[in-house]
Amino acid sequence: MNVHARISKEWRRRMSILFLMLFVSAVWFLVDGYLRWPAEAKRHEVFAALVDELIAAGQAKDAKDPAVTRAWVRLARERDWPKTAPKPRTAGDLAGQRWTGWVFFAGAVGFAGWVAWNHTRSVRAEGDWVTGASGERVHLDTIVEMDRRKWADKGIAYAIYEVGGKHRRLTLDDHKFLGCEAIILEAEKRMADRAAAAAPAPSNGDAPAA
């Protein structure tokens, strides 16, 4: 047989979604850490000064006083700022956002590299030999069992083969490397043929009487 099972479009699509999740998370945290939160910290300085001014003038009791809210909305409108009262953002808060963002960014880059590396791998069947994604070479006639317990849910089967008197396992992931099913079916056909050939022939005593 001649099969070349390469990365499937479905696996590529799922990995693309995961990469986008990591990358968007990185951008979100980095924008907060370097742009949004520093700007909010500066607005909070103005807000805090406004609160102190109103309290000192006896026009407000605390930062939650309606007079503070009205004064801030007027000021925010003049400066084209968000009308919501800004939160205090400490240096530790900014550092935490930036650190988290860079961790997500490193994860996204590393994940993209891993996906790219996986695109260099494949599963091949040439003649009687199967070459797994990790480079192991297995003769089809050495496969003695096919473990399909994960086939229905994940599209994965494990070919149990014998070499040097020991059993080893070859992963055939049809979800990731589309085309592995043809290899699985060929291996199962050969196992069935060997079992039929090894079955004892009926004895003369079992033959029907003339």
N, C-alpha and C. Protein backbone atom coordinates (compact mmCIF):
# COMPACT_ATOMS: atom_id res chain seq x y z
N MET A 1 0.83 -1.19 0.00
CA MET A 1 0.00 0.00 0.00
C MET A 1 0.87 1.25 0.00
N ASN A 2 0.26 2.38 -0.35
CA ASN A 2 1.00 3.63 -0.41
C ASN A 2 0.11 4.75 0.14
N VAL A 3 0.37 5.16 1.38
CA VAL A 3 -0.43 6.19 2.05
C VAL A 3 0.49 7.22 2.66
N HIS A 4 0.15 8.48 2.52
CA HIS A 4 0.89 9.55 3.18
C HIS A 4 -0.11 10.40 3.96
N ALA A 5 -0.19 10.18 5.26
CA ALA A 5 -1.15 10.88 6.12
C ALA A 5 -0.49 12.15 6.68
N ARG A 6 -1.01 13.30 6.25
CA ARG A 6 -0.48 14.58 6.69
C ARG A 6 -1.42 15.25 7.68
N ILE A 7 -0.97 16.38 8.23
CA ILE A 7 -1.78 17.15 9.17
C ILE A 7 -3.14 17.47 8.56
N SER A 8 -4.19 17.23 9.32
CA SER A 8 -5.55 17.45 8.81
C SER A 8 -5.96 18.92 8.97
N LYS A 9 -6.92 19.34 8.15
CA LYS A 9 -7.44 20.70 8.24
C LYS A 9 -8.14 20.94 9.58
N GLU A 10 -8.81 19.91 10.09
CA GLU A 10 -9.52 20.06 11.37
C GLU A 10 -8.55 20.29 12.51
N TRP A 11 -7.46 19.53 12.54
CA TRP A 11 -6.45 19.72 13.60
C TRP A 11 -5.83 21.10 13.47
N ARG A 12 -5.53 21.51 12.24
CA ARG A 12 -4.95 22.84 12.01
C ARG A 12 -5.92 23.93 12.48
N ARG A 13 -7.20 23.74 12.22
CA ARG A 13 -8.20 24.73 12.63
C ARG A 13 -8.26 24.86 14.15
N ARG A 14 -8.25 23.73 14.83
CA ARG A 14 -8.31 23.76 16.30
C ARG A 14 -7.06 24.40 16.90
N MET A 15 -5.92 24.08 16.33
CA MET A 15 -4.69 24.68 16.83
C MET A 15 -4.66 26.19 16.57
N SER A 16 -5.24 26.61 15.46
CA SER A 16 -5.31 28.04 15.14
C SER A 16 -6.16 28.77 16.16
N ILE A 17 -7.27 28.14 16.56
CA ILE A 17 -8.14 28.75 17.57
C ILE A 17 -7.40 28.88 18.90
N LEU A 18 -6.68 27.84 19.30
CA LEU A 18 -5.93 27.89 20.55
C LEU A 18 -4.85 28.97 20.50
N PHE A 19 -4.16 29.08 19.34
CA PHE A 19 -3.14 30.11 19.21
C PHE A 19 -3.76 31.50 19.33
N LEU A 20 -4.90 31.72 18.69
CA LEU A 20 -5.55 33.03 18.76
C LEU A 20 -5.97 33.35 20.18
N MET A 21 -6.43 32.35 20.93
CA MET A 21 -6.80 32.58 22.33
C MET A 21 -5.60 33.04 23.14
N LEU A 22 -4.47 32.38 22.95
CA LEU A 22 -3.25 32.77 23.67
C LEU A 22 -2.78 34.16 23.25
N PHE A 23 -2.80 34.42 21.94
CA PHE A 23 -2.30 35.69 21.43
C PHE A 23 -3.20 36.85 21.86
N VAL A 24 -4.51 36.67 21.76
CA VAL A 24 -5.44 37.73 22.16
C VAL A 24 -5.31 38.01 23.66
N SER A 25 -5.13 36.95 24.46
CA SER A 25 -4.93 37.15 25.90
C SER A 25 -3.66 37.96 26.16
N ALA A 26 -2.60 37.64 25.42
CA ALA A 26 -1.34 38.37 25.58
C ALA A 26 -1.54 39.85 25.24
N VAL A 27 -2.19 40.12 24.11
CA VAL A 27 -2.42 41.51 23.70
C VAL A 27 -3.28 42.23 24.73
N TRP A 28 -4.31 41.56 25.24
CA TRP A 28 -5.19 42.17 26.23
C TRP A 28 -4.43 42.61 27.47
N PHE A 29 -3.62 41.71 28.03
CA PHE A 29 -2.87 42.04 29.24
C PHE A 29 -1.80 43.09 28.97
N LEU A 30 -1.12 43.00 27.84
CA LEU A 30 -0.07 43.97 27.53
C LEU A 30 -0.63 45.36 27.29
N VAL A 31 -1.77 45.45 26.61
CA VAL A 31 -2.39 46.76 26.39
C VAL A 31 -2.84 47.35 27.72
N ASP A 32 -3.40 46.51 28.60
CA ASP A 32 -3.76 46.98 29.94
C ASP A 32 -2.52 47.48 30.68
N GLY A 33 -1.46 46.66 30.66
CA GLY A 33 -0.27 46.97 31.46
C GLY A 33 0.50 48.18 30.97
N TYR A 34 0.50 48.39 29.66
CA TYR A 34 1.32 49.48 29.11
C TYR A 34 0.52 50.70 28.67
N LEU A 35 -0.80 50.55 28.44
CA LEU A 35 -1.59 51.68 27.93
C LEU A 35 -2.78 52.02 28.83
N ARG A 36 -3.74 51.11 28.95
CA ARG A 36 -4.98 51.43 29.63
C ARG A 36 -4.78 51.75 31.11
N TRP A 37 -4.12 50.86 31.81
CA TRP A 37 -3.98 51.06 33.25
C TRP A 37 -3.10 52.25 33.62
N PRO A 38 -1.96 52.49 32.93
CA PRO A 38 -1.21 53.71 33.24
C PRO A 38 -2.04 54.98 33.01
N ALA A 39 -2.84 54.98 31.93
CA ALA A 39 -3.70 56.14 31.68
C ALA A 39 -4.75 56.27 32.78
N GLU A 40 -5.29 55.14 33.24
CA GLU A 40 -6.27 55.19 34.32
C GLU A 40 -5.64 55.65 35.62
N ALA A 41 -4.38 55.25 35.86
CA ALA A 41 -3.68 55.69 37.07
C ALA A 41 -3.52 57.22 37.08
N LYS A 42 -3.25 57.81 35.92
CA LYS A 42 -3.12 59.27 35.84
C LYS A 42 -4.48 59.94 36.05
N ARG A 43 -5.54 59.36 35.50
CA ARG A 43 -6.87 59.92 35.73
C ARG A 43 -7.25 59.83 37.19
N HIS A 44 -6.82 58.74 37.83
CA HIS A 44 -7.15 58.58 39.25
C HIS A 44 -6.47 59.64 40.10
N GLU A 45 -5.28 60.05 39.71
CA GLU A 45 -4.61 61.14 40.45
C GLU A 45 -5.45 62.40 40.40
N VAL A 46 -6.00 62.70 39.22
CA VAL A 46 -6.87 63.86 39.06
C VAL A 46 -8.16 63.67 39.86
N PHE A 47 -8.70 62.45 39.81
CA PHE A 47 -9.92 62.14 40.55
C PHE A 47 -9.71 62.31 42.05
N ALA A 48 -8.60 61.78 42.55
CA ALA A 48 -8.31 61.87 43.98
C ALA A 48 -8.16 63.33 44.41
N ALA A 49 -7.51 64.13 43.57
CA ALA A 49 -7.36 65.55 43.90
C ALA A 49 -8.71 66.25 43.92
N LEU A 50 -9.61 65.86 43.00
CA LEU A 50 -10.95 66.44 42.96
C LEU A 50 -11.73 66.07 44.22
N VAL A 51 -11.62 64.83 44.65
CA VAL A 51 -12.31 64.38 45.86
C VAL A 51 -11.81 65.17 47.07
N ASP A 52 -10.49 65.31 47.19
CA ASP A 52 -9.93 66.06 48.33
C ASP A 52 -10.41 67.51 48.32
N GLU A 53 -10.50 68.07 47.12
CA GLU A 53 -10.92 69.48 47.00
C GLU A 53 -12.38 69.65 47.43
N LEU A 54 -13.24 68.73 47.01
CA LEU A 54 -14.65 68.83 47.36
C LEU A 54 -14.88 68.57 48.85
N ILE A 55 -14.13 67.62 49.40
CA ILE A 55 -14.27 67.34 50.84
C ILE A 55 -13.79 68.53 51.66
N ALA A 56 -12.67 69.11 51.23
CA ALA A 56 -12.14 70.27 51.95
C ALA A 56 -13.10 71.45 51.88
N ALA A 57 -13.85 71.56 50.76
CA ALA A 57 -14.80 72.66 50.61
C ALA A 57 -16.13 72.36 51.28
N GLY A 58 -16.26 71.17 51.86
CA GLY A 58 -17.50 70.80 52.53
C GLY A 58 -18.62 70.44 51.57
N GLN A 59 -18.30 70.15 50.29
CA GLN A 59 -19.31 69.83 49.30
C GLN A 59 -19.52 68.32 49.13
N ALA A 60 -18.65 67.56 49.77
CA ALA A 60 -18.77 66.10 49.69
C ALA A 60 -18.22 65.48 50.95
N LYS A 61 -18.73 64.27 51.25
CA LYS A 61 -18.27 63.57 52.45
C LYS A 61 -17.16 62.57 52.13
N ASP A 62 -17.29 61.93 50.98
CA ASP A 62 -16.28 60.94 50.56
C ASP A 62 -16.32 60.79 49.05
N ALA A 63 -15.54 59.83 48.55
CA ALA A 63 -15.43 59.66 47.10
C ALA A 63 -16.72 59.14 46.46
N LYS A 64 -17.61 58.56 47.27
CA LYS A 64 -18.85 58.01 46.73
C LYS A 64 -20.00 59.01 46.78
N ASP A 65 -19.71 60.20 47.26
CA ASP A 65 -20.75 61.23 47.37
C ASP A 65 -21.26 61.61 45.96
N PRO A 66 -22.57 61.80 45.80
CA PRO A 66 -23.12 62.20 44.49
C PRO A 66 -22.49 63.48 43.93
N ALA A 67 -22.06 64.37 44.82
CA ALA A 67 -21.44 65.61 44.35
C ALA A 67 -20.13 65.31 43.64
N VAL A 68 -19.40 64.32 44.12
CA VAL A 68 -18.16 63.92 43.48
C VAL A 68 -18.46 63.34 42.09
N THR A 69 -19.49 62.50 42.02
CA THR A 69 -19.86 61.89 40.74
C THR A 69 -20.21 62.96 39.72
N ARG A 70 -21.01 63.94 40.14
CA ARG A 70 -21.40 65.00 39.20
C ARG A 70 -20.19 65.82 38.74
N ALA A 71 -19.31 66.13 39.68
CA ALA A 71 -18.14 66.92 39.34
C ALA A 71 -17.21 66.16 38.41
N TRP A 72 -17.08 64.85 38.65
CA TRP A 72 -16.20 64.05 37.79
C TRP A 72 -16.77 63.91 36.39
N VAL A 73 -18.08 63.72 36.26
CA VAL A 73 -18.70 63.59 34.95
C VAL A 73 -18.49 64.87 34.14
N ARG A 74 -18.62 66.04 34.80
CA ARG A 74 -18.38 67.30 34.09
C ARG A 74 -16.93 67.39 33.62
N LEU A 75 -15.99 67.04 34.51
CA LEU A 75 -14.57 67.12 34.16
C LEU A 75 -14.21 66.12 33.06
N ALA A 76 -14.76 64.90 33.16
CA ALA A 76 -14.49 63.86 32.17
C ALA A 76 -15.00 64.28 30.80
N ARG A 77 -16.17 64.93 30.79
CA ARG A 77 -16.72 65.38 29.51
C ARG A 77 -15.82 66.45 28.88
N GLU A 78 -15.29 67.33 29.70
CA GLU A 78 -14.41 68.40 29.19
C GLU A 78 -13.12 67.83 28.60
N ARG A 79 -12.60 66.76 29.23
CA ARG A 79 -11.31 66.21 28.81
C ARG A 79 -11.46 64.97 27.92
N ASP A 80 -12.70 64.63 27.59
CA ASP A 80 -12.96 63.46 26.75
C ASP A 80 -12.42 62.18 27.40
N TRP A 81 -12.71 62.03 28.68
CA TRP A 81 -12.34 60.85 29.44
C TRP A 81 -13.56 59.98 29.69
N PRO A 82 -13.37 58.72 30.06
CA PRO A 82 -14.50 57.89 30.47
C PRO A 82 -15.19 58.49 31.69
N LYS A 83 -16.52 58.40 31.72
CA LYS A 83 -17.27 59.01 32.82
C LYS A 83 -17.20 58.19 34.10
N THR A 84 -16.84 56.92 33.98
CA THR A 84 -16.74 56.07 35.17
C THR A 84 -15.54 56.51 36.00
N ALA A 85 -15.73 56.56 37.31
CA ALA A 85 -14.64 56.97 38.20
C ALA A 85 -13.47 56.00 38.05
N PRO A 86 -12.25 56.50 37.83
CA PRO A 86 -11.09 55.62 37.62
C PRO A 86 -10.68 54.91 38.90
N LYS A 87 -10.09 53.74 38.72
CA LYS A 87 -9.58 52.97 39.86
C LYS A 87 -8.10 53.26 40.06
N PRO A 88 -7.63 53.13 41.28
CA PRO A 88 -6.19 53.30 41.50
C PRO A 88 -5.43 52.11 40.94
N ARG A 89 -4.39 52.37 40.21
CA ARG A 89 -3.57 51.30 39.64
C ARG A 89 -2.15 51.49 40.13
N THR A 90 -1.72 50.56 40.99
CA THR A 90 -0.39 50.68 41.59
C THR A 90 0.68 50.15 40.63
N ALA A 91 1.93 50.42 40.98
CA ALA A 91 3.04 49.90 40.18
C ALA A 91 3.01 48.37 40.16
N GLY A 92 2.59 47.78 41.28
CA GLY A 92 2.48 46.32 41.33
C GLY A 92 1.40 45.80 40.40
N ASP A 93 0.28 46.54 40.32
CA ASP A 93 -0.79 46.15 39.40
C ASP A 93 -0.29 46.16 37.95
N LEU A 94 0.42 47.23 37.59
CA LEU A 94 0.94 47.35 36.22
C LEU A 94 1.94 46.24 35.93
N ALA A 95 2.83 45.98 36.90
CA ALA A 95 3.84 44.94 36.69
C ALA A 95 3.18 43.57 36.52
N GLY A 96 2.11 43.32 37.30
CA GLY A 96 1.42 42.04 37.19
C GLY A 96 0.78 41.85 35.83
N GLN A 97 0.14 42.91 35.30
CA GLN A 97 -0.47 42.81 33.98
C GLN A 97 0.59 42.59 32.91
N ARG A 98 1.67 43.32 33.01
CA ARG A 98 2.73 43.19 32.00
C ARG A 98 3.37 41.81 32.04
N TRP A 99 3.65 41.34 33.24
CA TRP A 99 4.27 40.01 33.38
C TRP A 99 3.35 38.93 32.81
N THR A 100 2.05 39.02 33.15
CA THR A 100 1.10 38.03 32.64
C THR A 100 1.01 38.10 31.11
N GLY A 101 1.00 39.32 30.58
CA GLY A 101 0.94 39.49 29.14
C GLY A 101 2.12 38.87 28.43
N TRP A 102 3.32 39.07 28.98
CA TRP A 102 4.51 38.51 28.34
C TRP A 102 4.53 36.99 28.46
N VAL A 103 3.99 36.46 29.56
CA VAL A 103 3.91 35.00 29.70
C VAL A 103 2.99 34.43 28.62
N PHE A 104 1.82 35.06 28.44
CA PHE A 104 0.91 34.61 27.38
C PHE A 104 1.56 34.75 26.01
N PHE A 105 2.30 35.85 25.81
CA PHE A 105 2.94 36.06 24.51
C PHE A 105 3.98 34.98 24.24
N ALA A 106 4.80 34.67 25.26
CA ALA A 106 5.80 33.60 25.10
C ALA A 106 5.11 32.27 24.83
N GLY A 107 3.98 32.03 25.52
CA GLY A 107 3.24 30.80 25.29
C GLY A 107 2.70 30.72 23.87
N ALA A 108 2.21 31.86 23.36
CA ALA A 108 1.68 31.88 21.99
C ALA A 108 2.78 31.61 20.98
N VAL A 109 3.95 32.23 21.18
CA VAL A 109 5.06 32.02 20.25
C VAL A 109 5.54 30.56 20.30
N GLY A 110 5.67 30.04 21.53
CA GLY A 110 6.10 28.65 21.67
C GLY A 110 5.09 27.68 21.07
N PHE A 111 3.81 27.98 21.28
CA PHE A 111 2.75 27.12 20.72
C PHE A 111 2.78 27.16 19.20
N ALA A 112 2.97 28.35 18.63
CA ALA A 112 3.04 28.48 17.17
C ALA A 112 4.22 27.68 16.62
N GLY A 113 5.35 27.71 17.33
CA GLY A 113 6.51 26.93 16.90
C GLY A 113 6.24 25.44 16.96
N TRP A 114 5.52 25.01 18.02
CA TRP A 114 5.19 23.59 18.16
C TRP A 114 4.27 23.14 17.03
N VAL A 115 3.28 23.98 16.69
CA VAL A 115 2.36 23.64 15.59
C VAL A 115 3.13 23.57 14.27
N ALA A 116 4.03 24.53 14.05
CA ALA A 116 4.83 24.52 12.82
C ALA A 116 5.68 23.26 12.74
N TRP A 117 6.26 22.85 13.88
CA TRP A 117 7.08 21.63 13.91
C TRP A 117 6.23 20.41 13.59
N ASN A 118 5.01 20.37 14.10
CA ASN A 118 4.13 19.23 13.82
C ASN A 118 3.80 19.13 12.34
N HIS A 119 3.82 20.27 11.64
CA HIS A 119 3.55 20.22 10.20
C HIS A 119 4.68 19.58 9.40
N THR A 120 5.82 19.37 10.04
CA THR A 120 6.92 18.66 9.37
C THR A 120 6.79 17.15 9.55
N ARG A 121 5.83 16.70 10.36
CA ARG A 121 5.67 15.28 10.64
C ARG A 121 4.52 14.70 9.81
N SER A 122 4.53 13.40 9.66
CA SER A 122 3.46 12.71 8.94
C SER A 122 3.57 11.22 9.25
N VAL A 123 2.58 10.48 8.78
CA VAL A 123 2.59 9.02 8.91
C VAL A 123 2.55 8.45 7.49
N ARG A 124 3.47 7.55 7.20
CA ARG A 124 3.56 6.99 5.84
C ARG A 124 3.41 5.46 5.88
N ALA A 125 2.81 4.96 4.82
CA ALA A 125 2.78 3.51 4.59
C ALA A 125 3.27 3.29 3.17
N GLU A 126 4.39 2.59 3.06
CA GLU A 126 4.99 2.31 1.75
C GLU A 126 5.24 0.81 1.67
N GLY A 127 4.47 0.16 0.80
CA GLY A 127 4.60 -1.29 0.71
C GLY A 127 4.13 -1.95 1.99
N ASP A 128 5.01 -2.74 2.60
CA ASP A 128 4.68 -3.45 3.84
C ASP A 128 5.09 -2.69 5.09
N TRP A 129 5.63 -1.50 4.93
CA TRP A 129 6.19 -0.77 6.07
C TRP A 129 5.40 0.51 6.38
N VAL A 130 5.26 0.76 7.67
CA VAL A 130 4.62 1.99 8.15
C VAL A 130 5.66 2.79 8.92
N THR A 131 5.76 4.07 8.60
CA THR A 131 6.65 4.96 9.34
C THR A 131 5.80 5.91 10.17
N GLY A 132 5.92 5.82 11.49
CA GLY A 132 5.12 6.64 12.38
C GLY A 132 5.56 8.09 12.41
N ALA A 133 4.77 8.91 13.08
CA ALA A 133 5.06 10.35 13.15
C ALA A 133 6.38 10.63 13.85
N SER A 134 6.80 9.73 14.73
CA SER A 134 8.07 9.91 15.44
C SER A 134 9.24 9.25 14.73
N GLY A 135 8.98 8.65 13.56
CA GLY A 135 10.05 8.06 12.76
C GLY A 135 10.22 6.57 12.92
N GLU A 136 9.44 5.94 13.82
CA GLU A 136 9.58 4.50 14.00
C GLU A 136 9.04 3.76 12.77
N ARG A 137 9.73 2.68 12.36
CA ARG A 137 9.32 1.89 11.20
C ARG A 137 8.77 0.55 11.68
N VAL A 138 7.58 0.23 11.20
CA VAL A 138 6.89 -0.98 11.65
C VAL A 138 6.43 -1.76 10.43
N HIS A 139 6.76 -3.03 10.39
CA HIS A 139 6.27 -3.89 9.31
C HIS A 139 4.82 -4.25 9.62
N LEU A 140 3.96 -4.15 8.61
CA LEU A 140 2.53 -4.39 8.82
C LEU A 140 2.26 -5.78 9.37
N ASP A 141 3.08 -6.76 8.98
CA ASP A 141 2.84 -8.13 9.42
C ASP A 141 3.28 -8.38 10.86
N THR A 142 3.93 -7.40 11.50
CA THR A 142 4.29 -7.56 12.92
C THR A 142 3.22 -7.00 13.84
N ILE A 143 2.18 -6.38 13.27
CA ILE A 143 1.09 -5.84 14.09
C ILE A 143 0.17 -6.98 14.51
N VAL A 144 0.00 -7.15 15.81
CA VAL A 144 -0.75 -8.28 16.33
C VAL A 144 -2.08 -7.88 16.96
N GLU A 145 -2.27 -6.56 17.17
CA GLU A 145 -3.51 -6.12 17.80
C GLU A 145 -3.74 -4.65 17.44
N MET A 146 -5.01 -4.27 17.34
CA MET A 146 -5.35 -2.88 17.07
C MET A 146 -6.27 -2.39 18.20
N ASP A 147 -5.77 -1.46 18.98
CA ASP A 147 -6.52 -0.90 20.11
C ASP A 147 -7.31 0.32 19.62
N ARG A 148 -8.64 0.15 19.52
CA ARG A 148 -9.50 1.23 19.01
C ARG A 148 -10.33 1.89 20.12
N ARG A 149 -9.93 1.76 21.36
CA ARG A 149 -10.76 2.29 22.44
C ARG A 149 -10.96 3.80 22.36
N LYS A 150 -10.02 4.53 21.75
CA LYS A 150 -10.16 5.98 21.62
C LYS A 150 -10.60 6.41 20.23
N TRP A 151 -10.95 5.44 19.41
CA TRP A 151 -11.25 5.76 18.02
C TRP A 151 -12.55 6.57 17.88
N ALA A 152 -13.60 6.14 18.55
CA ALA A 152 -14.90 6.80 18.38
C ALA A 152 -14.87 8.26 18.85
N ASP A 153 -14.18 8.52 19.96
CA ASP A 153 -14.17 9.87 20.53
C ASP A 153 -13.08 10.75 19.96
N LYS A 154 -11.90 10.18 19.71
CA LYS A 154 -10.75 11.01 19.34
C LYS A 154 -10.12 10.66 17.99
N GLY A 155 -10.57 9.60 17.36
CA GLY A 155 -9.98 9.22 16.09
C GLY A 155 -8.57 8.67 16.22
N ILE A 156 -8.27 8.06 17.38
CA ILE A 156 -6.93 7.52 17.64
C ILE A 156 -7.00 6.01 17.83
N ALA A 157 -6.11 5.30 17.18
CA ALA A 157 -5.96 3.87 17.38
C ALA A 157 -4.48 3.57 17.66
N TYR A 158 -4.24 2.50 18.40
CA TYR A 158 -2.86 2.10 18.72
C TYR A 158 -2.61 0.72 18.12
N ALA A 159 -1.63 0.67 17.23
CA ALA A 159 -1.24 -0.61 16.63
C ALA A 159 -0.20 -1.26 17.54
N ILE A 160 -0.55 -2.40 18.10
CA ILE A 160 0.37 -3.15 18.96
C ILE A 160 1.17 -4.10 18.07
N TYR A 161 2.48 -3.89 18.03
CA TYR A 161 3.31 -4.73 17.17
C TYR A 161 4.39 -5.41 17.99
N GLU A 162 4.92 -6.47 17.43
CA GLU A 162 5.91 -7.28 18.15
C GLU A 162 7.27 -7.16 17.47
N VAL A 163 8.27 -6.86 18.27
CA VAL A 163 9.64 -6.79 17.77
C VAL A 163 10.57 -7.27 18.87
N GLY A 164 11.45 -8.20 18.52
CA GLY A 164 12.38 -8.75 19.50
C GLY A 164 11.70 -9.43 20.67
N GLY A 165 10.53 -10.00 20.43
CA GLY A 165 9.81 -10.70 21.49
C GLY A 165 9.06 -9.76 22.43
N LYS A 166 9.06 -8.46 22.15
CA LYS A 166 8.38 -7.49 23.00
C LYS A 166 7.29 -6.79 22.21
N HIS A 167 6.25 -6.39 22.93
CA HIS A 167 5.16 -5.66 22.32
C HIS A 167 5.39 -4.16 22.46
N ARG A 168 5.21 -3.46 21.37
CA ARG A 168 5.34 -2.00 21.38
C ARG A 168 4.10 -1.40 20.73
N ARG A 169 3.97 -0.07 20.84
CA ARG A 169 2.75 0.58 20.38
C ARG A 169 3.04 1.69 19.39
N LEU A 170 2.33 1.66 18.28
CA LEU A 170 2.43 2.70 17.26
C LEU A 170 1.13 3.49 17.25
N THR A 171 1.22 4.81 17.46
CA THR A 171 0.03 5.66 17.48
C THR A 171 -0.38 6.03 16.06
N LEU A 172 -1.64 5.78 15.75
CA LEU A 172 -2.21 6.14 14.45
C LEU A 172 -3.37 7.10 14.70
N ASP A 173 -3.07 8.38 14.62
CA ASP A 173 -4.02 9.45 14.96
C ASP A 173 -4.63 10.01 13.68
N ASP A 174 -5.82 9.53 13.35
CA ASP A 174 -6.44 9.95 12.09
C ASP A 174 -7.03 11.36 12.20
N HIS A 175 -7.30 11.82 13.42
CA HIS A 175 -7.77 13.21 13.59
C HIS A 175 -6.66 14.19 13.26
N LYS A 176 -5.46 13.85 13.67
CA LYS A 176 -4.32 14.75 13.44
C LYS A 176 -3.68 14.50 12.07
N PHE A 177 -3.45 13.23 11.75
CA PHE A 177 -2.83 12.87 10.47
C PHE A 177 -3.87 12.14 9.62
N LEU A 178 -4.56 12.91 8.80
CA LEU A 178 -5.66 12.36 8.02
C LEU A 178 -5.15 11.34 7.00
N GLY A 179 -5.71 10.14 7.05
CA GLY A 179 -5.28 9.07 6.17
C GLY A 179 -4.84 7.84 6.93
N CYS A 180 -4.71 7.97 8.26
CA CYS A 180 -4.27 6.83 9.06
C CYS A 180 -5.27 5.68 9.05
N GLU A 181 -6.55 6.00 8.82
CA GLU A 181 -7.55 4.93 8.86
C GLU A 181 -7.27 3.87 7.81
N ALA A 182 -6.76 4.27 6.65
CA ALA A 182 -6.46 3.29 5.60
C ALA A 182 -5.39 2.32 6.08
N ILE A 183 -4.43 2.83 6.84
CA ILE A 183 -3.37 1.97 7.38
C ILE A 183 -3.94 1.01 8.41
N ILE A 184 -4.84 1.53 9.25
CA ILE A 184 -5.47 0.71 10.29
C ILE A 184 -6.27 -0.43 9.65
N LEU A 185 -7.04 -0.11 8.63
CA LEU A 185 -7.86 -1.13 7.96
C LEU A 185 -6.98 -2.20 7.30
N GLU A 186 -5.88 -1.78 6.70
CA GLU A 186 -4.97 -2.74 6.08
C GLU A 186 -4.35 -3.66 7.13
N ALA A 187 -3.94 -3.08 8.26
CA ALA A 187 -3.36 -3.90 9.33
C ALA A 187 -4.38 -4.89 9.87
N GLU A 188 -5.62 -4.45 10.06
CA GLU A 188 -6.67 -5.35 10.56
C GLU A 188 -6.98 -6.44 9.55
N LYS A 189 -6.95 -6.11 8.27
CA LYS A 189 -7.19 -7.13 7.23
C LYS A 189 -6.10 -8.19 7.27
N ARG A 190 -4.85 -7.76 7.43
CA ARG A 190 -3.75 -8.73 7.48
C ARG A 190 -3.85 -9.60 8.72
N MET A 191 -4.25 -9.02 9.84
CA MET A 191 -4.42 -9.83 11.06
C MET A 191 -5.50 -10.87 10.86
N ALA A 192 -6.62 -10.46 10.22
CA ALA A 192 -7.71 -11.40 9.98
C ALA A 192 -7.26 -12.52 9.03
N ASP A 193 -6.49 -12.15 8.00
CA ASP A 193 -6.00 -13.16 7.06
C ASP A 193 -5.07 -14.16 7.76
N ARG A 194 -4.21 -13.65 8.64
CA ARG A 194 -3.30 -14.57 9.36
C ARG A 194 -4.06 -15.47 10.31
N ALA A 195 -5.09 -14.92 10.96
CA ALA A 195 -5.89 -15.74 11.87
C ALA A 195 -6.63 -16.84 11.10
N ALA A 196 -7.14 -16.48 9.91
CA ALA A 196 -7.85 -17.48 9.11
C ALA A 196 -6.89 -18.56 8.62
N ALA A 197 -5.67 -18.17 8.25
CA ALA A 197 -4.70 -19.14 7.76
C ALA A 197 -4.22 -20.06 8.87
N ALA A 198 -4.20 -19.53 10.11
CA ALA A 198 -3.71 -20.33 11.23
C ALA A 198 -4.79 -21.22 11.83
N ALA A 199 -6.06 -20.99 11.45
CA ALA A 199 -7.15 -21.79 12.00
C ALA A 199 -7.00 -23.24 11.54
N PRO A 200 -7.23 -24.23 12.42
CA PRO A 200 -7.08 -25.65 12.03
C PRO A 200 -8.12 -26.04 10.98
N ALA A 201 -7.67 -26.83 10.02
CA ALA A 201 -8.59 -27.32 8.98
C ALA A 201 -9.49 -28.40 9.56
N PRO A 202 -10.70 -28.50 9.08
CA PRO A 202 -11.60 -29.54 9.62
C PRO A 202 -11.03 -30.93 9.36
N SER A 203 -11.14 -31.81 10.37
CA SER A 203 -10.63 -33.19 10.24
C SER A 203 -11.60 -34.02 9.40
N ASN A 204 -11.12 -35.20 8.98
CA ASN A 204 -11.96 -36.09 8.16
C ASN A 204 -13.21 -36.53 8.91
N GLY A 205 -13.05 -36.64 10.24
CA GLY A 205 -14.21 -37.08 11.05
C GLY A 205 -15.31 -36.06 11.08
N ASP A 206 -14.95 -34.81 10.78
CA ASP A 206 -15.97 -33.76 10.79
C ASP A 206 -16.70 -33.67 9.45
N ALA A 207 -16.15 -34.37 8.43
CA ALA A 207 -16.77 -34.29 7.12
C ALA A 207 -18.09 -35.03 7.13
N PRO A 208 -19.08 -34.55 6.43
CA PRO A 208 -20.40 -35.21 6.41
C PRO A 208 -20.31 -36.59 5.73
N ALA A 209 -21.10 -37.52 6.25
CA ALA A 209 -21.11 -38.88 5.66
C ALA A 209 -21.72 -38.87 4.28
N ALA A 210 -21.18 -39.76 3.42
CA ALA A 210 -21.71 -39.84 2.03
C ALA A 210 -23.07 -40.44 2.04
